[in-house]
Every structure is written in structure tokens, then in C-alpha cells.
Amino acid sequence: MEKVEDIVIVGAGIAGLTTSLGLQKLGIRSLVLESSHSLRITGFAFITWTNAWRALDAIGLGDSLRQQHKQFYSNVATSTITGHQTTAMSFKAKGKLGDHEVRCVNRKLLLEALANELPSGTIRFSSKVVSTEESGFYKLVHLADGTIIKTKALLGSDGVNSVVAKWLGFKAPAFTGRAAVRGWINFKSNHGFEPKIFQFMGIGFRSGFLPNDDTGVYWFLTSHEEKEIEDDPAKMKQFVLSKLANAPDEMKAIVENTELDYIMLSPLRYRHPWDLIWGNISKGNVCVIGDAFHPMTPDIAQGACSALEDGIVLARCLARALLTKEQSGESKEKVDM
């Protein structure tokens, strides 16, 4: 069975939902195809810097999310070798574009906020894209259940293993040889941690603890010892604790008290800069955004922030192209990225 849609977005992650909501705010409907049966909340949380908050403000979600997450005013780094503080950075000083705004956002809350703003039926779950093909100017999107969707514009936000990126000719993202163990804990009462980023550095690893709100804390550890980390939550917890042997007791207690269901392992992958420069970011009416376009390591905490920006910019560009053609009386049959 073949269906026709103006804009199809593959992947209901941060980039995909932000693009869809951005388009919706500008009066343009889209269909979002998600392979999972529900929203994916892998990763638990992430840091949002000033650029992310500007993007969230652009789609009207900034204020509500601010009320649910603490603002950070500093970043403190400590050596686990010497036990001494090595860095203290304040976020209170103004930058060239105004005040800094840094928070740790719960991924589930963000995805739900984005999804709840979209009209019913915008997201189609359990819709795994297996291939795409050309049909004149249109693209045919083939789903695992046999459905074929004909679309005027195809946007790939389907993560590091993107089907759309592969169709555009991108190589698979490279492995860094590093891995990240991530965890999240919800205390029954106020945890009492200051609103700051706590980081601990050691030989071959970096870890951090970030309070989401009064009761939730997100933590991570990235390590070069990828092959030594077994994909077993209990063993992951012990690995992290072994690295934090000289860290403060209250930080080790966060890891010790984290439930195993809230600990996960992610090999770190990225796309080489030259693949981005010389690759096909877009081709006709097809393009990629978010991790499908520029997967990156968490070292500068810009993965989710960039995904939000991608969605806003792409929605504006598409709306400008579509609405300009509509106002000038031209056909909307063709959409070039």
C-alpha cells in the first residue's frame, strides 16, 4: 500500500521531533517514522548549553523545561590522582551574546515535551525504514511491514546507523576506541548537591555528576579501556567505582546506589570531519540531521544541543522554501534542500 506525504522524517529523536515541531509552528505538517514502539530515552540525560536553550525558546518549550531543571553556575574538576581541584569555571560571566545558560536535561522529559506539542498522528511508531528509492522527483520509503510512503522531502534523523545517511553515501561512523558508562539515580528526597557540574579526572578516564533537579542526578564515565568494560550493568558499576576510588564518598555513593536498570554502556562514535566536508549532506530533496549527520563524542557536550539547532534551522529553511512557492503560486511538487 502506497501513501503520499509532503515531508517524512525518519527517527523520533531530538533532531526529528524538533524539526517536526518547528515545521508545525510554521504551519507545515510532517510525518515522523519511529522504528521503536515508543519514544527512545537511551542516555537518560545530557547537558544543554545556551545555544540549546535558544532553540527550545524558538519552539516555545524553554520556559517549561527551565522550571524542571536546575541551572548550573559553575564547573569544578578534581584530579583523582592528587585529590586536588584542578579547574573551577564560572558560568556567571556574560559571553559575547549575553548570559550563559547551562542545565542537565532529562531526555525523557524533553522528548515527551516535544511529542506532546505535535498533533495526534504525527509520530508513527513501530515503523522501521528498510530502504529508500527514487521515483522521479519523489522518494519512496519502504517500511518493514510492507508499507510504501511516497514523499516530496525525506529527512533522516535516524541516528548513527542511519538508513538515510547510507542512501546518501555516507560511510558508517568511526569508533573512537572509547566508551561511556552512563547512569541516573532518583533520590527519594532532596539530594542536597549544589547546582554545578562535578568532574573527576584520572589516567585514561573522565567522569561527571550533574544534578537534574532536587532529586535526580545524572552521572557518566568515559574511558579508553573500552575492551575491558563488559556490557553488564553490575560489572559496569564496579568498573566505575574502581576508577573513582579516590573520589569523595558522596560521589561514589551515587554510583553505588544507582539501580542496575539505570546503567548503560555506549561505545563512542563520530564522523570524520572530512566525511562531513566532502560527503553528501543533502541530495535533491533528501538530507540528514542530528546524529545521522554529525555523531560526536560527549567531550564538548554539544550532541543534543546541535540536534536541537539542526531541527530549528532546517524547519525554517523548509518552511521558507515551501511558503515562498505557495505565495508565488508555484507548485509545491518540488522541494530542494
Protein backbone atom coordinates (compact mmCIF):
# COMPACT_ATOMS: atom_id res chain seq x y z
CA MET A 1 0.00 0.00 0.00
CA GLU A 2 1.41 3.39 -1.02
CA LYS A 3 0.76 6.61 0.90
CA VAL A 4 1.76 10.16 -0.09
CA GLU A 5 3.24 12.68 2.37
CA ASP A 6 4.76 16.15 1.86
CA ILE A 7 7.57 15.69 4.42
CA VAL A 8 8.72 12.44 6.02
CA ILE A 9 11.14 12.50 8.96
CA VAL A 10 12.85 9.23 9.84
CA GLY A 11 13.50 8.97 13.59
CA ALA A 12 11.62 10.40 16.58
CA GLY A 13 14.72 11.51 18.44
CA ILE A 14 15.65 15.03 19.46
CA ALA A 15 16.50 16.27 15.95
CA GLY A 16 13.50 14.64 14.29
CA LEU A 17 10.89 15.84 16.78
CA THR A 18 12.38 19.33 16.93
CA THR A 19 12.20 19.59 13.14
CA SER A 20 8.62 18.34 13.10
CA LEU A 21 7.55 20.78 15.82
CA GLY A 22 9.43 23.63 14.14
CA LEU A 23 7.55 22.92 10.91
CA GLN A 24 4.24 22.62 12.77
CA LYS A 25 4.78 26.05 14.38
CA LEU A 26 5.19 27.44 10.84
CA GLY A 27 2.03 25.78 9.58
CA ILE A 28 3.55 22.76 7.83
CA ARG A 29 2.64 19.17 8.65
CA SER A 30 5.13 16.30 8.63
CA LEU A 31 5.09 12.57 9.34
CA VAL A 32 7.67 11.15 11.76
CA LEU A 33 8.55 7.45 11.40
CA GLU A 34 9.96 5.78 14.51
CA SER A 35 11.16 2.16 14.49
CA SER A 36 10.60 1.67 18.25
CA HIS A 37 7.19 1.12 19.79
CA SER A 38 7.60 4.23 21.98
CA LEU A 39 9.89 7.23 22.45
CA ARG A 40 13.55 6.25 22.89
CA ILE A 41 15.11 7.58 26.10
CA THR A 42 18.55 5.96 25.80
CA GLY A 43 21.16 8.05 27.60
CA PHE A 44 18.99 9.35 30.48
CA ALA A 45 20.13 13.00 30.33
CA PHE A 46 22.52 15.47 28.69
CA ILE A 47 23.96 18.95 29.20
CA THR A 48 22.16 21.80 27.45
CA TRP A 49 24.19 24.93 26.81
CA THR A 50 22.99 28.40 25.83
CA ASN A 51 22.55 27.50 22.14
CA ALA A 52 20.18 24.66 23.07
CA TRP A 53 18.02 26.95 25.20
CA ARG A 54 17.72 29.43 22.34
CA ALA A 55 16.49 26.59 20.15
CA LEU A 56 14.00 25.45 22.80
CA ASP A 57 12.74 29.02 23.18
CA ALA A 58 12.17 29.17 19.42
CA ILE A 59 9.62 26.32 19.65
CA GLY A 60 8.07 27.51 22.90
CA LEU A 61 9.42 24.82 25.26
CA GLY A 62 12.20 26.72 27.03
CA ASP A 63 10.28 28.12 29.99
CA SER A 64 8.50 24.88 30.93
CA LEU A 65 11.74 22.88 30.82
CA ARG A 66 13.60 25.53 32.82
CA GLN A 67 11.13 25.03 35.66
CA GLN A 68 12.01 21.33 35.80
CA HIS A 69 15.82 21.56 35.71
CA LYS A 70 18.40 23.33 37.86
CA GLN A 71 20.62 25.96 36.29
CA PHE A 72 24.35 25.39 36.74
CA TYR A 73 26.58 28.29 37.75
CA SER A 74 29.97 26.59 37.67
CA ASN A 75 32.03 23.59 36.59
CA VAL A 76 34.53 22.09 39.05
CA ALA A 77 37.13 19.49 38.05
CA THR A 78 39.20 17.43 40.51
CA SER A 79 42.10 15.02 39.98
CA THR A 80 41.50 11.52 41.38
CA ILE A 81 45.28 11.08 41.44
CA THR A 82 46.18 14.00 43.71
CA GLY A 83 42.75 14.69 45.16
CA HIS A 84 43.23 18.39 44.37
CA GLN A 85 40.86 20.63 42.46
CA THR A 86 42.35 21.41 39.04
CA THR A 87 39.73 23.69 37.48
CA ALA A 88 36.90 25.96 38.61
CA MET A 89 34.96 27.69 35.86
CA SER A 90 32.12 30.13 36.49
CA PHE A 91 29.15 30.38 34.15
CA LYS A 92 28.02 33.68 35.67
CA ALA A 93 30.21 35.86 33.47
CA LYS A 94 28.48 37.15 30.35
CA GLY A 95 29.62 35.92 26.94
CA LYS A 96 29.65 37.85 23.68
CA LEU A 97 26.00 37.01 23.10
CA GLY A 98 24.75 37.50 26.66
CA ASP A 99 24.33 35.31 29.74
CA HIS A 100 25.38 31.68 29.77
CA GLU A 101 22.67 29.13 30.49
CA VAL A 102 23.65 25.58 31.39
CA ARG A 103 21.43 22.78 32.70
CA CYS A 104 21.28 18.99 32.66
CA VAL A 105 18.03 17.98 30.96
CA ASN A 106 16.21 14.70 31.45
CA ARG A 107 15.95 13.12 27.99
CA LYS A 108 12.54 11.57 28.67
CA LEU A 109 11.07 14.91 29.75
CA LEU A 110 12.40 16.65 26.64
CA LEU A 111 11.16 14.02 24.19
CA GLU A 112 7.73 13.94 25.85
CA ALA A 113 7.52 17.74 25.77
CA LEU A 114 8.31 17.74 22.04
CA ALA A 115 5.91 14.89 21.26
CA ASN A 116 3.05 16.35 23.30
CA GLU A 117 3.13 19.54 21.23
CA LEU A 118 2.65 17.65 17.97
CA PRO A 119 -0.80 16.87 16.52
CA SER A 120 -2.09 13.35 17.04
CA GLY A 121 -0.88 11.00 14.33
CA THR A 122 2.31 12.94 13.56
CA ILE A 123 4.51 10.18 15.03
CA ARG A 124 4.05 6.69 13.65
CA PHE A 125 5.68 4.15 15.95
CA SER A 126 6.82 0.60 15.02
CA SER A 127 7.69 1.94 11.56
CA LYS A 128 11.13 0.65 10.66
CA VAL A 129 12.53 2.04 7.41
CA VAL A 130 14.38 -0.67 5.49
CA SER A 131 15.17 1.13 2.24
CA THR A 132 14.51 4.17 0.08
CA GLU A 133 14.39 4.59 -3.68
CA GLU A 134 13.76 7.31 -6.22
CA SER A 135 10.54 7.68 -8.20
CA GLY A 136 11.04 10.69 -10.40
CA PHE A 137 11.44 13.60 -8.03
CA TYR A 138 9.66 11.75 -5.23
CA LYS A 139 11.30 9.35 -2.79
CA LEU A 140 9.75 6.02 -1.91
CA VAL A 141 10.26 4.98 1.70
CA HIS A 142 9.86 1.24 2.28
CA LEU A 143 8.88 0.05 5.76
CA ALA A 144 9.42 -3.38 7.29
CA ASP A 145 5.67 -4.04 7.33
CA GLY A 146 5.45 -3.63 3.56
CA THR A 147 4.09 -0.09 3.58
CA ILE A 148 5.48 2.29 0.95
CA ILE A 149 5.36 6.02 1.61
CA LYS A 150 5.85 8.48 -1.25
CA THR A 151 7.27 11.81 -0.12
CA LYS A 152 8.36 15.16 -1.55
CA ALA A 153 11.05 15.62 1.14
CA LEU A 154 12.88 12.98 3.18
CA LEU A 155 14.76 13.98 6.34
CA GLY A 156 16.98 11.44 8.08
CA SER A 157 17.30 11.84 11.82
CA ASP A 158 17.66 8.11 12.44
CA GLY A 159 20.87 8.10 14.47
CA VAL A 160 24.36 6.73 13.96
CA ASN A 161 23.10 3.72 11.98
CA SER A 162 21.05 5.94 9.67
CA VAL A 163 19.43 4.31 6.65
CA VAL A 164 19.10 7.75 5.04
CA ALA A 165 22.77 8.61 5.59
CA LYS A 166 23.72 5.31 3.96
CA TRP A 167 21.50 6.16 0.96
CA LEU A 168 23.32 9.49 0.66
CA GLY A 169 26.63 7.64 0.53
CA PHE A 170 27.99 8.38 4.00
CA LYS A 171 30.38 5.85 5.49
CA ALA A 172 29.46 4.32 8.83
CA PRO A 173 30.61 6.49 11.78
CA ALA A 174 34.05 5.59 13.13
CA PHE A 175 34.65 4.04 16.55
CA THR A 176 36.93 6.07 18.81
CA GLY A 177 38.18 3.18 20.90
CA ARG A 178 36.49 4.81 23.90
CA ALA A 179 33.26 4.03 25.68
CA ALA A 180 30.88 5.83 28.04
CA VAL A 181 29.13 4.32 31.03
CA ARG A 182 26.07 6.40 31.92
CA GLY A 183 23.73 6.27 34.88
CA TRP A 184 20.87 8.10 36.51
CA ILE A 185 19.51 7.98 40.06
CA ASN A 186 16.40 9.47 41.62
CA PHE A 187 16.69 10.14 45.36
CA LYS A 188 13.55 9.86 47.47
CA SER A 189 14.28 13.27 49.00
CA ASN A 190 16.39 16.33 48.23
CA HIS A 191 19.93 15.19 47.44
CA GLY A 192 21.48 18.47 48.61
CA PHE A 193 24.05 18.83 45.81
CA GLU A 194 24.92 22.32 44.64
CA PRO A 195 23.80 23.31 41.12
CA LYS A 196 27.16 22.77 39.48
CA ILE A 197 28.95 20.26 37.25
CA PHE A 198 31.27 17.99 39.25
CA GLN A 199 34.03 16.36 37.19
CA PHE A 200 36.76 13.91 38.20
CA MET A 201 39.79 13.18 36.03
CA GLY A 202 42.14 10.22 36.15
CA ILE A 203 44.51 8.28 33.93
CA GLY A 204 42.55 7.41 30.79
CA PHE A 205 39.13 8.42 32.09
CA ARG A 206 36.84 11.36 32.87
CA SER A 207 33.70 11.25 34.96
CA GLY A 208 30.99 13.70 35.89
CA PHE A 209 27.99 14.15 38.20
CA LEU A 210 25.19 16.55 37.28
CA PRO A 211 22.04 17.19 39.33
CA ASN A 212 18.95 17.41 37.07
CA ASP A 213 16.71 18.81 39.77
CA ASP A 214 16.29 18.46 43.56
CA THR A 215 16.10 14.66 43.47
CA GLY A 216 17.68 13.41 40.23
CA VAL A 217 21.39 13.08 39.40
CA TYR A 218 22.90 12.03 36.08
CA TRP A 219 26.44 10.63 36.02
CA PHE A 220 28.88 9.35 33.41
CA LEU A 221 32.37 7.96 32.95
CA THR A 222 34.24 7.88 29.63
CA SER A 223 37.25 5.58 29.32
CA HIS A 224 39.86 4.47 26.81
CA GLU A 225 39.55 0.95 28.23
CA GLU A 226 36.57 0.10 26.02
CA LYS A 227 37.50 -3.58 25.65
CA GLU A 228 37.76 -4.03 29.41
CA ILE A 229 34.23 -2.78 30.11
CA GLU A 230 31.76 -5.65 29.95
CA ASP A 231 28.21 -4.92 28.84
CA ASP A 232 26.80 -6.00 32.20
CA PRO A 233 25.34 -3.28 34.47
CA ALA A 234 26.71 -4.82 37.67
CA LYS A 235 30.22 -5.09 36.22
CA MET A 236 29.93 -1.60 34.73
CA LYS A 237 29.13 -0.25 38.17
CA GLN A 238 32.19 -1.96 39.67
CA PHE A 239 34.39 -0.67 36.85
CA VAL A 240 33.27 2.92 37.51
CA LEU A 241 33.76 2.57 41.26
CA SER A 242 37.27 1.20 40.73
CA LYS A 243 38.15 4.34 38.77
CA LEU A 244 36.61 6.60 41.43
CA ALA A 245 38.41 5.01 44.37
CA ASN A 246 39.89 8.38 45.38
CA ALA A 247 36.75 10.43 44.67
CA PRO A 248 34.62 11.86 47.52
CA ASP A 249 32.40 9.33 49.28
CA GLU A 250 29.20 11.15 48.32
CA MET A 251 30.06 10.77 44.62
CA LYS A 252 30.87 7.07 44.97
CA ALA A 253 27.59 6.64 46.85
CA ILE A 254 25.68 7.99 43.84
CA VAL A 255 27.11 5.21 41.66
CA GLU A 256 26.71 2.54 44.35
CA ASN A 257 23.03 3.38 44.86
CA THR A 258 22.12 3.55 41.17
CA GLU A 259 19.76 0.75 40.16
CA LEU A 260 21.17 -1.59 37.51
CA ASP A 261 18.30 -0.80 35.12
CA TYR A 262 19.58 2.78 35.03
CA ILE A 263 23.15 2.00 33.96
CA MET A 264 24.14 1.65 30.31
CA LEU A 265 27.22 1.35 28.10
CA SER A 266 27.77 3.19 24.81
CA PRO A 267 30.79 2.80 22.50
CA LEU A 268 31.70 6.34 21.37
CA ARG A 269 31.47 7.00 17.64
CA TYR A 270 31.95 10.03 15.44
CA ARG A 271 32.07 11.05 11.79
CA HIS A 272 35.42 12.23 10.44
CA PRO A 273 35.45 15.97 9.60
CA TRP A 274 36.49 15.23 6.00
CA ASP A 275 33.45 12.97 5.59
CA LEU A 276 31.27 15.93 6.57
CA ILE A 277 33.12 18.36 4.30
CA TRP A 278 33.17 16.15 1.20
CA GLY A 279 30.14 13.98 1.89
CA ASN A 280 26.62 14.39 0.55
CA ILE A 281 24.88 16.22 3.39
CA SER A 282 21.90 16.53 1.09
CA LYS A 283 20.91 15.33 -2.34
CA GLY A 284 17.91 16.92 -4.01
CA ASN A 285 15.04 16.53 -1.57
CA VAL A 286 16.89 14.31 0.94
CA CYS A 287 19.10 15.34 3.86
CA VAL A 288 20.31 14.19 7.27
CA ILE A 289 20.39 15.92 10.68
CA GLY A 290 21.44 15.17 14.24
CA ASP A 291 23.46 12.01 14.88
CA ALA A 292 22.61 10.74 11.40
CA PHE A 293 24.66 13.69 10.12
CA HIS A 294 27.29 14.55 12.73
CA PRO A 295 27.60 11.96 15.54
CA MET A 296 30.12 13.25 18.07
CA THR A 297 31.72 12.31 21.35
CA PRO A 298 30.34 13.87 24.56
CA ASP A 299 33.55 15.77 25.34
CA ILE A 300 32.14 19.22 24.49
CA ALA A 301 28.54 18.27 25.33
CA GLN A 302 27.10 19.50 22.05
CA GLY A 303 25.42 16.42 20.55
CA ALA A 304 21.90 17.14 21.76
CA CYS A 305 22.42 20.91 21.54
CA SER A 306 23.41 20.63 17.88
CA ALA A 307 20.46 18.32 17.20
CA LEU A 308 18.08 20.97 18.56
CA GLU A 309 19.73 23.66 16.43
CA ASP A 310 19.60 21.40 13.35
CA GLY A 311 15.87 20.98 13.77
CA ILE A 312 15.14 24.69 14.11
CA VAL A 313 17.32 25.75 11.17
CA LEU A 314 16.05 23.02 8.85
CA ALA A 315 12.41 23.73 9.72
CA ARG A 316 12.89 27.42 8.93
CA CYS A 317 14.64 26.71 5.63
CA LEU A 318 12.00 24.21 4.52
CA ALA A 319 9.14 26.50 5.54
CA ARG A 320 10.71 29.42 3.71
CA ALA A 321 11.04 27.36 0.54
CA LEU A 322 7.54 25.88 0.73
CA LEU A 323 5.69 29.02 1.74
CA THR A 324 7.53 31.18 -0.81
CA LYS A 325 6.47 28.85 -3.59
CA GLU A 326 2.94 28.74 -2.26
CA GLN A 327 2.65 32.53 -2.07
CA SER A 328 4.05 32.97 -5.57
CA GLY A 329 1.56 30.47 -6.93
CA GLU A 330 4.19 27.94 -7.90
CA SER A 331 3.69 24.22 -7.48
CA LYS A 332 4.91 22.67 -4.24
CA GLU A 333 5.70 19.43 -6.02
CA LYS A 334 9.43 20.01 -5.77
CA VAL A 335 11.37 20.77 -2.62
CA ASP A 336 15.15 21.21 -2.82
CA MET A 337 17.23 21.08 0.37
